[in-house]
Amino acid sequence: MRSHKKKAGFLNELFKADAYQGRPTPAIRSRQYKKGKNVAQSKQEGPQTQVAGGNLGDKTHAYLDLHAHDLFSSLGRLVDAPFTSIMTISVLAIAIALASGFYIVVANLQQLTGNLEASNQISLFLKDEVSETKANKLADNIKQNPNIQKVTVITKEQALKEFEAQSGFGDALKALESNPLPIVIEVLPKNTLEDGLELENLYESLKQSVEVDFAQMDMQWIKRLQSFMDVARRGGILISLLLGVAVLFITGNTIRLELHNRRDEVVIAKLVGATNAFIQRPFLYGGFWLGFLSGVAAWFIVTVMMLVLRQPVEKLSGLYDGSFHLLFLNYSETFALLAISAFLSVLGAWVVLSYQLQQLKPE
């Protein structure tokens, strides 16, 4: 009984499709017959304008009605099979959540390394004969470099006070006749974790200054950190691509099984002249719902995971006198997550349907 209702529903959609394709349905013909006198009068007044406007309105209404019907009927079919739908959406949500999780982990690592950039500064120790005036002039010249983010001049007096506060040798330093510490210029480059070659070239150019006695920067540590971030980014991209392919296959296989279960309806539709695009539409909307609902579920999974990790991570950051806060998916990233999930599911459904409908020949 239920299969007969589904077949009847497919035929009903075909009758609705006639209106979109320009052929009047029985309901439309009935309305035209009842309003025959008014139609005749409108033809006498302006036949071309009235008929053309009416046909365009009927087509637009039928087009929107068909898509709305397919959109909500496909959702209804998912609700009619709750166990199968929940299992499929759960598997898709886990795959999407893993890809999103790797993305948000890399984003948090980039935030962490961004906080570490302050420790990647270049220290220029000037010669003893260089005065504060020349040091400030050199600092102003360095600021003109577009690759420089910040330049700080530490005078001899400031360096001595800092050394006294941190070393604990205050009384011993008072016995010195003169200040032995040089003037130091601290240079913080821009994007120190993105291009190691530019950073090294900048270091060498600053080192060649006449006023500089020697320069210091831990290049090896920076190169290791840059390599780690590059591996993390590329690894996240590769894993996301693999999981995206998994979403395509899972959705495609689900739609293939649904097409197999509704094979009789599809054959009847083909026999009465339905096009492949018409037959595909409800299945494509079904793929859309699978992807969209899976994206929503994946967002909840990722958010719950980050909420669970937030307190211990921030506590660990506080123990090291840090102010690190976990990043969550923002509005644009959430929208992108839902859009990509729905697109991958629709794409997987379309690929399977295009192949299966070409192979399906009504006898």
Foldseek 3Di string as FASTA:
>chain_A
DVLVVVLVVLVVLVLLVCLLVQHHHPVRVVVCVVCVVVLVVVCVVPVVVVVVVVSVVSNVVSVVVSLVCLLVVLVVVCVVVVVVLVVLLVVLLVLLLVLVLLVLVLVLLVVVVVVVLVVQKKKFFFDAPDDPVNVVVVQVVVVVDPFWDDKDKQQLVNVVVVCCVPVVCVVVVVPDPDRPGTIMMITRTPPLLADLVVVVVVLVVVQPDPRTPGMDGDSVVSVVSSVVSVCSVVVSVVSSVVSLVVLLVSLLVVLVVVCVVSVVSVLVCVVVPHDLVSVLSSSLSSLLVSQLSSLVSSLVVNVVVLVVVFVVVCVVQVVVVHRRGRDHQDPVSSVVSNVSSSVSSSVSNVVNSVVVVVVDDRD
